[in-house]
Amino acid sequence: MNLEQATKLIQEPYISEKVSFVGEKNNQVAFKVAPDATKPEIKSAIEKLFKVEVTGVSILNVKPKIKRFRQRLGKRSGWKKAYVMLAEGNDIDFTKPI
């Protein structure tokens, strides 16, 4: 996997209160990923982009929400989230460029 494929696969880091709590406890980081991404592809992309050792990947599909816009119903788009477990001593710093 080259760098271009890895950047298309990993869209952006996902940061929330839950992710930061889990990240401190289990040394995990969450990312928004492409809808057709698989666990081995995500693992190799993270290792290539951030030069860290990944021990595990968990994937979940975030279902679309139905929202009301005036008298009509609308639907937000769904997306895929990946929790990446890093090996001991590895850390990803999002402030420095790749």
PDB file of N, CA and C in Angstrom:
ATOM      1  N   MET A   1       0.844  -1.177   0.000  1.00  0.00           N
ATOM      2  CA  MET A   1       0.000   0.000   0.000  1.00  0.00           C
ATOM      3  C   MET A   1       0.888   1.239   0.000  1.00  0.00           C
ATOM      4  N   ASN A   2       0.626   2.128  -0.970  1.00  0.00           N
ATOM      5  CA  ASN A   2       1.421   3.346  -1.024  1.00  0.00           C
ATOM      6  C   ASN A   2       0.754   4.449  -0.198  1.00  0.00           C
ATOM      7  N   LEU A   3       1.415   5.584  -0.109  1.00  0.00           N
ATOM      8  CA  LEU A   3       0.967   6.681   0.747  1.00  0.00           C
ATOM      9  C   LEU A   3      -0.355   7.268   0.268  1.00  0.00           C
ATOM     10  N   GLU A   4      -0.564   7.348  -1.033  1.00  0.00           N
ATOM     11  CA  GLU A   4      -1.803   7.914  -1.578  1.00  0.00           C
ATOM     12  C   GLU A   4      -3.009   7.045  -1.220  1.00  0.00           C
ATOM     13  N   GLN A   5      -2.864   5.739  -1.333  1.00  0.00           N
ATOM     14  CA  GLN A   5      -3.956   4.834  -0.975  1.00  0.00           C
ATOM     15  C   GLN A   5      -4.261   4.918   0.515  1.00  0.00           C
ATOM     16  N   ALA A   6      -3.224   5.061   1.327  1.00  0.00           N
ATOM     17  CA  ALA A   6      -3.409   5.146   2.777  1.00  0.00           C
ATOM     18  C   ALA A   6      -4.157   6.411   3.169  1.00  0.00           C
ATOM     19  N   THR A   7      -3.864   7.527   2.501  1.00  0.00           N
ATOM     20  CA  THR A   7      -4.562   8.770   2.835  1.00  0.00           C
ATOM     21  C   THR A   7      -6.012   8.761   2.357  1.00  0.00           C
ATOM     22  N   LYS A   8      -6.320   8.018   1.295  1.00  0.00           N
ATOM     23  CA  LYS A   8      -7.713   7.891   0.868  1.00  0.00           C
ATOM     24  C   LYS A   8      -8.490   6.984   1.808  1.00  0.00           C
ATOM     25  N   LEU A   9      -7.823   6.006   2.387  1.00  0.00           N
ATOM     26  CA  LEU A   9      -8.472   5.055   3.275  1.00  0.00           C
ATOM     27  C   LEU A   9      -8.773   5.679   4.634  1.00  0.00           C
ATOM     28  N   ILE A  10      -7.811   6.396   5.198  1.00  0.00           N
ATOM     29  CA  ILE A  10      -7.972   7.056   6.497  1.00  0.00           C
ATOM     30  C   ILE A  10      -8.375   8.498   6.227  1.00  0.00           C
ATOM     31  N   GLN A  11      -9.627   8.840   6.533  1.00  0.00           N
ATOM     32  CA  GLN A  11     -10.131  10.163   6.176  1.00  0.00           C
ATOM     33  C   GLN A  11      -9.719  11.230   7.178  1.00  0.00           C
ATOM     34  N   GLU A  12      -9.961  10.975   8.474  1.00  0.00           N
ATOM     35  CA  GLU A  12      -9.614  11.965   9.486  1.00  0.00           C
ATOM     36  C   GLU A  12      -9.670  11.331  10.866  1.00  0.00           C
ATOM     37  N   PRO A  13      -8.943  11.886  11.841  1.00  0.00           N
ATOM     38  CA  PRO A  13      -9.087  11.384  13.205  1.00  0.00           C
ATOM     39  C   PRO A  13     -10.438  11.807  13.768  1.00  0.00           C
ATOM     40  N   TYR A  14     -11.001  10.968  14.622  1.00  0.00           N
ATOM     41  CA  TYR A  14     -12.288  11.277  15.231  1.00  0.00           C
ATOM     42  C   TYR A  14     -12.042  11.529  16.709  1.00  0.00           C
ATOM     43  N   ILE A  15     -12.399  12.712  17.176  1.00  0.00           N
ATOM     44  CA  ILE A  15     -12.125  13.107  18.552  1.00  0.00           C
ATOM     45  C   ILE A  15     -13.441  13.440  19.248  1.00  0.00           C
ATOM     46  N   SER A  16     -13.695  12.777  20.371  1.00  0.00           N
ATOM     47  CA  SER A  16     -14.863  13.051  21.205  1.00  0.00           C
ATOM     48  C   SER A  16     -14.488  12.724  22.648  1.00  0.00           C
ATOM     49  N   GLU A  17     -15.399  12.959  23.579  1.00  0.00           N
ATOM     50  CA  GLU A  17     -15.116  12.653  24.974  1.00  0.00           C
ATOM     51  C   GLU A  17     -14.918  11.161  25.183  1.00  0.00           C
ATOM     52  N   LYS A  18     -15.777  10.369  24.561  1.00  0.00           N
ATOM     53  CA  LYS A  18     -15.674   8.924  24.702  1.00  0.00           C
ATOM     54  C   LYS A  18     -14.353   8.402  24.140  1.00  0.00           C
ATOM     55  N   VAL A  19     -13.963   8.904  22.991  1.00  0.00           N
ATOM     56  CA  VAL A  19     -12.719   8.457  22.364  1.00  0.00           C
ATOM     57  C   VAL A  19     -11.518   8.850  23.217  1.00  0.00           C
ATOM     58  N   SER A  20     -11.528  10.042  23.786  1.00  0.00           N
ATOM     59  CA  SER A  20     -10.391  10.451  24.614  1.00  0.00           C
ATOM     60  C   SER A  20     -10.330   9.633  25.904  1.00  0.00           C
ATOM     61  N   PHE A  21     -11.477   9.274  26.477  1.00  0.00           N
ATOM     62  CA  PHE A  21     -11.491   8.431  27.674  1.00  0.00           C
ATOM     63  C   PHE A  21     -10.956   7.038  27.359  1.00  0.00           C
ATOM     64  N   VAL A  22     -11.432   6.451  26.267  1.00  0.00           N
ATOM     65  CA  VAL A  22     -10.973   5.117  25.852  1.00  0.00           C
ATOM     66  C   VAL A  22      -9.508   5.160  25.456  1.00  0.00           C
ATOM     67  N   GLY A  23      -9.092   6.241  24.815  1.00  0.00           N
ATOM     68  CA  GLY A  23      -7.708   6.372  24.382  1.00  0.00           C
ATOM     69  C   GLY A  23      -6.732   6.398  25.544  1.00  0.00           C
ATOM     70  N   GLU A  24      -7.082   7.088  26.608  1.00  0.00           N
ATOM     71  CA  GLU A  24      -6.209   7.135  27.777  1.00  0.00           C
ATOM     72  C   GLU A  24      -6.164   5.787  28.482  1.00  0.00           C
ATOM     73  N   LYS A  25      -7.291   5.110  28.523  1.00  0.00           N
ATOM     74  CA  LYS A  25      -7.387   3.852  29.257  1.00  0.00           C
ATOM     75  C   LYS A  25      -6.737   2.686  28.511  1.00  0.00           C
ATOM     76  N   ASN A  26      -6.991   2.571  27.203  1.00  0.00           N
ATOM     77  CA  ASN A  26      -6.556   1.396  26.443  1.00  0.00           C
ATOM     78  C   ASN A  26      -5.526   1.688  25.362  1.00  0.00           C
ATOM     79  N   ASN A  27      -4.999   2.901  25.310  1.00  0.00           N
ATOM     80  CA  ASN A  27      -4.031   3.299  24.282  1.00  0.00           C
ATOM     81  C   ASN A  27      -4.618   3.107  22.881  1.00  0.00           C
ATOM     82  N   GLN A  28      -5.815   3.674  22.658  1.00  0.00           N
ATOM     83  CA  GLN A  28      -6.504   3.578  21.383  1.00  0.00           C
ATOM     84  C   GLN A  28      -6.727   4.958  20.791  1.00  0.00           C
ATOM     85  N   VAL A  29      -6.865   4.975  19.462  1.00  0.00           N
ATOM     86  CA  VAL A  29      -7.163   6.194  18.717  1.00  0.00           C
ATOM     87  C   VAL A  29      -8.283   5.855  17.745  1.00  0.00           C
ATOM     88  N   ALA A  30      -9.182   6.805  17.471  1.00  0.00           N
ATOM     89  CA  ALA A  30     -10.293   6.554  16.557  1.00  0.00           C
ATOM     90  C   ALA A  30     -10.130   7.379  15.292  1.00  0.00           C
ATOM     91  N   PHE A  31     -10.559   6.797  14.175  1.00  0.00           N
ATOM     92  CA  PHE A  31     -10.468   7.453  12.876  1.00  0.00           C
ATOM     93  C   PHE A  31     -11.758   7.245  12.107  1.00  0.00           C
ATOM     94  N   LYS A  32     -12.122   8.239  11.283  1.00  0.00           N
ATOM     95  CA  LYS A  32     -13.146   8.045  10.270  1.00  0.00           C
ATOM     96  C   LYS A  32     -12.436   7.426   9.078  1.00  0.00           C
ATOM     97  N   VAL A  33     -12.986   6.330   8.560  1.00  0.00           N
ATOM     98  CA  VAL A  33     -12.336   5.622   7.467  1.00  0.00           C
ATOM     99  C   VAL A  33     -13.292   5.466   6.296  1.00  0.00           C
ATOM    100  N   ALA A  34     -12.773   5.039   5.174  1.00  0.00           N
ATOM    101  CA  ALA A  34     -13.576   4.818   3.972  1.00  0.00           C
ATOM    102  C   ALA A  34     -14.592   3.700   4.246  1.00  0.00           C
ATOM    103  N   PRO A  35     -15.779   3.773   3.643  1.00  0.00           N
ATOM    104  CA  PRO A  35     -16.817   2.771   3.915  1.00  0.00           C
ATOM    105  C   PRO A  35     -16.454   1.357   3.488  1.00  0.00           C
ATOM    106  N   ASP A  36     -15.542   1.203   2.559  1.00  0.00           N
ATOM    107  CA  ASP A  36     -15.172  -0.137   2.097  1.00  0.00           C
ATOM    108  C   ASP A  36     -13.856  -0.630   2.699  1.00  0.00           C
ATOM    109  N   ALA A  37     -13.362   0.026   3.743  1.00  0.00           N
ATOM    110  CA  ALA A  37     -12.086  -0.329   4.356  1.00  0.00           C
ATOM    111  C   ALA A  37     -12.225  -1.597   5.200  1.00  0.00           C
ATOM    112  N   THR A  38     -11.174  -2.412   5.196  1.00  0.00           N
ATOM    113  CA  THR A  38     -11.135  -3.613   6.015  1.00  0.00           C
ATOM    114  C   THR A  38     -10.099  -3.452   7.126  1.00  0.00           C
ATOM    115  N   LYS A  39     -10.138  -4.345   8.112  1.00  0.00           N
ATOM    116  CA  LYS A  39      -9.219  -4.249   9.239  1.00  0.00           C
ATOM    117  C   LYS A  39      -7.745  -4.335   8.825  1.00  0.00           C
ATOM    118  N   PRO A  40      -7.349  -5.302   7.981  1.00  0.00           N
ATOM    119  CA  PRO A  40      -5.934  -5.334   7.580  1.00  0.00           C
ATOM    120  C   PRO A  40      -5.492  -4.095   6.802  1.00  0.00           C
ATOM    121  N   GLU A  41      -6.377  -3.554   5.964  1.00  0.00           N
ATOM    122  CA  GLU A  41      -6.032  -2.338   5.218  1.00  0.00           C
ATOM    123  C   GLU A  41      -5.847  -1.156   6.158  1.00  0.00           C
ATOM    124  N   ILE A  42      -6.723  -1.026   7.150  1.00  0.00           N
ATOM    125  CA  ILE A  42      -6.625   0.073   8.117  1.00  0.00           C
ATOM    126  C   ILE A  42      -5.344  -0.058   8.928  1.00  0.00           C
ATOM    127  N   LYS A  43      -5.029  -1.276   9.349  1.00  0.00           N
ATOM    128  CA  LYS A  43      -3.809  -1.510  10.129  1.00  0.00           C
ATOM    129  C   LYS A  43      -2.568  -1.104   9.348  1.00  0.00           C
ATOM    130  N   SER A  44      -2.472  -1.542   8.100  1.00  0.00           N
ATOM    131  CA  SER A  44      -1.280  -1.208   7.314  1.00  0.00           C
ATOM    132  C   SER A  44      -1.222   0.287   6.980  1.00  0.00           C
ATOM    133  N   ALA A  45      -2.382   0.923   6.771  1.00  0.00           N
ATOM    134  CA  ALA A  45      -2.399   2.355   6.467  1.00  0.00           C
ATOM    135  C   ALA A  45      -1.944   3.180   7.671  1.00  0.00           C
ATOM    136  N   ILE A  46      -2.410   2.831   8.865  1.00  0.00           N
ATOM    137  CA  ILE A  46      -2.005   3.561  10.076  1.00  0.00           C
ATOM    138  C   ILE A  46      -0.512   3.366  10.331  1.00  0.00           C
ATOM    139  N   GLU A  47      -0.034   2.145  10.174  1.00  0.00           N
ATOM    140  CA  GLU A  47       1.391   1.892  10.382  1.00  0.00           C
ATOM    141  C   GLU A  47       2.244   2.652   9.375  1.00  0.00           C
ATOM    142  N   LYS A  48       1.770   2.768   8.142  1.00  0.00           N
ATOM    143  CA  LYS A  48       2.519   3.472   7.097  1.00  0.00           C
ATOM    144  C   LYS A  48       2.486   4.991   7.314  1.00  0.00           C
ATOM    145  N   LEU A  49       1.303   5.541   7.629  1.00  0.00           N
ATOM    146  CA  LEU A  49       1.172   6.997   7.764  1.00  0.00           C
ATOM    147  C   LEU A  49       1.861   7.542   9.016  1.00  0.00           C
ATOM    148  N   PHE A  50       1.673   6.877  10.161  1.00  0.00           N
ATOM    149  CA  PHE A  50       2.134   7.441  11.424  1.00  0.00           C
ATOM    150  C   PHE A  50       3.371   6.747  11.996  1.00  0.00           C
ATOM    151  N   LYS A  51       3.845   5.683  11.327  1.00  0.00           N
ATOM    152  CA  LYS A  51       5.045   4.959  11.755  1.00  0.00           C
ATOM    153  C   LYS A  51       4.938   4.490  13.205  1.00  0.00           C
ATOM    154  N   VAL A  52       3.835   3.788  13.503  1.00  0.00           N
ATOM    155  CA  VAL A  52       3.592   3.201  14.813  1.00  0.00           C
ATOM    156  C   VAL A  52       3.266   1.720  14.629  1.00  0.00           C
ATOM    157  N   GLU A  53       3.288   0.973  15.723  1.00  0.00           N
ATOM    158  CA  GLU A  53       2.932  -0.443  15.684  1.00  0.00           C
ATOM    159  C   GLU A  53       1.496  -0.609  16.180  1.00  0.00           C
ATOM    160  N   VAL A  54       0.656  -1.225  15.362  1.00  0.00           N
ATOM    161  CA  VAL A  54      -0.756  -1.427  15.683  1.00  0.00           C
ATOM    162  C   VAL A  54      -0.955  -2.864  16.136  1.00  0.00           C
ATOM    163  N   THR A  55      -1.618  -3.043  17.291  1.00  0.00           N
ATOM    164  CA  THR A  55      -1.867  -4.398  17.788  1.00  0.00           C
ATOM    165  C   THR A  55      -3.274  -4.883  17.475  1.00  0.00           C
ATOM    166  N   GLY A  56      -4.218  -3.972  17.245  1.00  0.00           N
ATOM    167  CA  GLY A  56      -5.578  -4.399  16.940  1.00  0.00           C
ATOM    168  C   GLY A  56      -6.410  -3.284  16.343  1.00  0.00           C
ATOM    169  N   VAL A  57      -7.439  -3.677  15.597  1.00  0.00           N
ATOM    170  CA  VAL A  57      -8.352  -2.721  14.976  1.00  0.00           C
ATOM    171  C   VAL A  57      -9.780  -3.204  15.202  1.00  0.00           C
ATOM    172  N   SER A  58     -10.645  -2.308  15.669  1.00  0.00           N
ATOM    173  CA  SER A  58     -12.072  -2.591  15.796  1.00  0.00           C
ATOM    174  C   SER A  58     -12.818  -1.614  14.906  1.00  0.00           C
ATOM    175  N   ILE A  59     -13.789  -2.129  14.167  1.00  0.00           N
ATOM    176  CA  ILE A  59     -14.532  -1.303  13.215  1.00  0.00           C
ATOM    177  C   ILE A  59     -16.006  -1.293  13.601  1.00  0.00           C
ATOM    178  N   LEU A  60     -16.641  -0.137  13.435  1.00  0.00           N
ATOM    179  CA  LEU A  60     -18.089  -0.076  13.593  1.00  0.00           C
ATOM    180  C   LEU A  60     -18.667   0.899  12.589  1.00  0.00           C
ATOM    181  N   ASN A  61     -19.864   0.578  12.121  1.00  0.00           N
ATOM    182  CA  ASN A  61     -20.571   1.441  11.187  1.00  0.00           C
ATOM    183  C   ASN A  61     -21.495   2.347  11.984  1.00  0.00           C
ATOM    184  N   VAL A  62     -21.347   3.653  11.808  1.00  0.00           N
ATOM    185  CA  VAL A  62     -22.223   4.618  12.455  1.00  0.00           C
ATOM    186  C   VAL A  62     -23.425   4.800  11.538  1.00  0.00           C
ATOM    187  N   LYS A  63     -24.590   4.445  12.042  1.00  0.00           N
ATOM    188  CA  LYS A  63     -25.788   4.473  11.216  1.00  0.00           C
ATOM    189  C   LYS A  63     -26.248   5.908  10.977  1.00  0.00           C
ATOM    190  N   PRO A  64     -26.898   6.153   9.843  1.00  0.00           N
ATOM    191  CA  PRO A  64     -27.375   7.512   9.557  1.00  0.00           C
ATOM    192  C   PRO A  64     -28.532   7.883  10.466  1.00  0.00           C
ATOM    193  N   LYS A  65     -28.584   9.154  10.839  1.00  0.00           N
ATOM    194  CA  LYS A  65     -29.666   9.653  11.681  1.00  0.00           C
ATOM    195  C   LYS A  65     -30.750  10.274  10.815  1.00  0.00           C
ATOM    196  N   ILE A  66     -31.970  10.082  11.230  1.00  0.00           N
ATOM    197  CA  ILE A  66     -33.097  10.724  10.545  1.00  0.00           C
ATOM    198  C   ILE A  66     -33.387  12.032  11.267  1.00  0.00           C
ATOM    199  N   LYS A  67     -33.403  13.119  10.532  1.00  0.00           N
ATOM    200  CA  LYS A  67     -33.636  14.450  11.087  1.00  0.00           C
ATOM    201  C   LYS A  67     -34.813  15.104  10.368  1.00  0.00           C
ATOM    202  N   ARG A  68     -35.473  15.995  11.058  1.00  0.00           N
ATOM    203  CA  ARG A  68     -36.612  16.695  10.474  1.00  0.00           C
ATOM    204  C   ARG A  68     -36.159  18.090  10.022  1.00  0.00           C
ATOM    205  N   PHE A  69     -36.467  18.411   8.775  1.00  0.00           N
ATOM    206  CA  PHE A  69     -36.216  19.730   8.217  1.00  0.00           C
ATOM    207  C   PHE A  69     -37.569  20.335   7.855  1.00  0.00           C
ATOM    208  N   ARG A  70     -38.064  21.192   8.712  1.00  0.00           N
ATOM    209  CA  ARG A  70     -39.414  21.749   8.607  1.00  0.00           C
ATOM    210  C   ARG A  70     -40.430  20.620   8.573  1.00  0.00           C
ATOM    211  N   GLN A  71     -41.198  20.465   7.495  1.00  0.00           N
ATOM    212  CA  GLN A  71     -42.204  19.408   7.462  1.00  0.00           C
ATOM    213  C   GLN A  71     -41.690  18.127   6.809  1.00  0.00           C
ATOM    214  N   ARG A  72     -40.456  18.100   6.397  1.00  0.00           N
ATOM    215  CA  ARG A  72     -39.927  16.939   5.689  1.00  0.00           C
ATOM    216  C   ARG A  72     -38.908  16.194   6.550  1.00  0.00           C
ATOM    217  N   LEU A  73     -38.814  14.905   6.288  1.00  0.00           N
ATOM    218  CA  LEU A  73     -37.792  14.117   6.953  1.00  0.00           C
ATOM    219  C   LEU A  73     -36.555  14.049   6.073  1.00  0.00           C
ATOM    220  N   GLY A  74     -35.418  14.186   6.684  1.00  0.00           N
ATOM    221  CA  GLY A  74     -34.160  14.067   5.965  1.00  0.00           C
ATOM    222  C   GLY A  74     -33.292  13.042   6.663  1.00  0.00           C
ATOM    223  N   LYS A  75     -32.201  12.661   6.037  1.00  0.00           N
ATOM    224  CA  LYS A  75     -31.324  11.655   6.620  1.00  0.00           C
ATOM    225  C   LYS A  75     -29.881  12.086   6.474  1.00  0.00           C
ATOM    226  N   ARG A  76     -29.153  12.076   7.587  1.00  0.00           N
ATOM    227  CA  ARG A  76     -27.719  12.323   7.537  1.00  0.00           C
ATOM    228  C   ARG A  76     -27.033  11.082   6.991  1.00  0.00           C
ATOM    229  N   SER A  77     -25.863  11.255   6.461  1.00  0.00           N
ATOM    230  CA  SER A  77     -25.158  10.111   5.900  1.00  0.00           C
ATOM    231  C   SER A  77     -24.485   9.297   7.009  1.00  0.00           C
ATOM    232  N   GLY A  78     -24.396   8.011   6.812  1.00  0.00           N
ATOM    233  CA  GLY A  78     -23.685   7.141   7.734  1.00  0.00           C
ATOM    234  C   GLY A  78     -22.204   7.114   7.388  1.00  0.00           C
ATOM    235  N   TRP A  79     -21.390   6.615   8.293  1.00  0.00           N
ATOM    236  CA  TRP A  79     -19.955   6.546   8.068  1.00  0.00           C
ATOM    237  C   TRP A  79     -19.366   5.401   8.874  1.00  0.00           C
ATOM    238  N   LYS A  80     -18.099   5.123   8.669  1.00  0.00           N
ATOM    239  CA  LYS A  80     -17.424   4.017   9.324  1.00  0.00           C
ATOM    240  C   LYS A  80     -16.348   4.555  10.255  1.00  0.00           C
ATOM    241  N   LYS A  81     -16.298   4.005  11.476  1.00  0.00           N
ATOM    242  CA  LYS A  81     -15.330   4.432  12.478  1.00  0.00           C
ATOM    243  C   LYS A  81     -14.434   3.246  12.829  1.00  0.00           C
ATOM    244  N   ALA A  82     -13.149   3.508  13.017  1.00  0.00           N
ATOM    245  CA  ALA A  82     -12.197   2.467  13.379  1.00  0.00           C
ATOM    246  C   ALA A  82     -11.461   2.867  14.655  1.00  0.00           C
ATOM    247  N   TYR A  83     -11.502   1.980  15.651  1.00  0.00           N
ATOM    248  CA  TYR A  83     -10.700   2.144  16.861  1.00  0.00           C
ATOM    249  C   TYR A  83      -9.411   1.359  16.654  1.00  0.00           C
ATOM    250  N   VAL A  84      -8.278   2.041  16.748  1.00  0.00           N
ATOM    251  CA  VAL A  84      -6.974   1.425  16.501  1.00  0.00           C
ATOM    252  C   VAL A  84      -6.228   1.337  17.828  1.00  0.00           C
ATOM    253  N   MET A  85      -5.862   0.101  18.215  1.00  0.00           N
ATOM    254  CA  MET A  85      -5.117  -0.109  19.451  1.00  0.00           C
ATOM    255  C   MET A  85      -3.628  -0.105  19.123  1.00  0.00           C
ATOM    256  N   LEU A  86      -2.898   0.771  19.804  1.00  0.00           N
ATOM    257  CA  LEU A  86      -1.467   0.919  19.566  1.00  0.00           C
ATOM    258  C   LEU A  86      -0.670   0.082  20.563  1.00  0.00           C
ATOM    259  N   ALA A  87       0.514  -0.346  20.165  1.00  0.00           N
ATOM    260  CA  ALA A  87       1.394  -1.112  21.048  1.00  0.00           C
ATOM    261  C   ALA A  87       1.920  -0.191  22.151  1.00  0.00           C
ATOM    262  N   GLU A  88       2.406  -0.807  23.218  1.00  0.00           N
ATOM    263  CA  GLU A  88       2.946  -0.051  24.349  1.00  0.00           C
ATOM    264  C   GLU A  88       4.083   0.860  23.894  1.00  0.00           C
ATOM    265  N   GLY A  89       4.059   2.087  24.357  1.00  0.00           N
ATOM    266  CA  GLY A  89       5.118   3.035  24.029  1.00  0.00           C
ATOM    267  C   GLY A  89       4.903   3.803  22.744  1.00  0.00           C
ATOM    268  N   ASN A  90       3.908   3.418  21.942  1.00  0.00           N
ATOM    269  CA  ASN A  90       3.604   4.137  20.700  1.00  0.00           C
ATOM    270  C   ASN A  90       2.507   5.158  20.950  1.00  0.00           C
ATOM    271  N   ASP A  91       2.615   6.293  20.267  1.00  0.00           N
ATOM    272  CA  ASP A  91       1.643   7.355  20.420  1.00  0.00           C
ATOM    273  C   ASP A  91       1.556   8.114  19.094  1.00  0.00           C
ATOM    274  N   ILE A  92       0.370   8.623  18.792  1.00  0.00           N
ATOM    275  CA  ILE A  92       0.177   9.413  17.579  1.00  0.00           C
ATOM    276  C   ILE A  92      -0.033  10.867  17.993  1.00  0.00           C
ATOM    277  N   ASP A  93       0.792  11.746  17.453  1.00  0.00           N
ATOM    278  CA  ASP A  93       0.691  13.175  17.717  1.00  0.00           C
ATOM    279  C   ASP A  93       0.039  13.823  16.507  1.00  0.00           C
ATOM    280  N   PHE A  94      -1.181  14.319  16.664  1.00  0.00           N
ATOM    281  CA  PHE A  94      -1.919  14.901  15.547  1.00  0.00           C
ATOM    282  C   PHE A  94      -1.498  16.330  15.253  1.00  0.00           C
ATOM    283  N   THR A  95      -0.687  16.932  16.088  1.00  0.00           N
ATOM    284  CA  THR A  95      -0.288  18.315  15.875  1.00  0.00           C
ATOM    285  C   THR A  95       0.854  18.452  14.873  1.00  0.00           C
ATOM    286  N   LYS A  96       1.672  17.405  14.734  1.00  0.00           N
ATOM    287  CA  LYS A  96       2.788  17.505  13.786  1.00  0.00           C
ATOM    288  C   LYS A  96       2.365  16.940  12.433  1.00  0.00           C
ATOM    289  N   PRO A  97       2.890  17.471  11.337  1.00  0.00           N
ATOM    290  CA  PRO A  97       2.512  16.982   9.998  1.00  0.00           C
ATOM    291  C   PRO A  97       3.085  15.599   9.731  1.00  0.00           C
ATOM    292  N   ILE A  98       2.480  14.921   8.774  1.00  0.00           N
ATOM    293  CA  ILE A  98       2.907  13.553   8.415  1.00  0.00           C
ATOM    294  C   ILE A  98       4.199  13.606   7.631  1.00  0.00           C
TER     295      ILE A  98
END
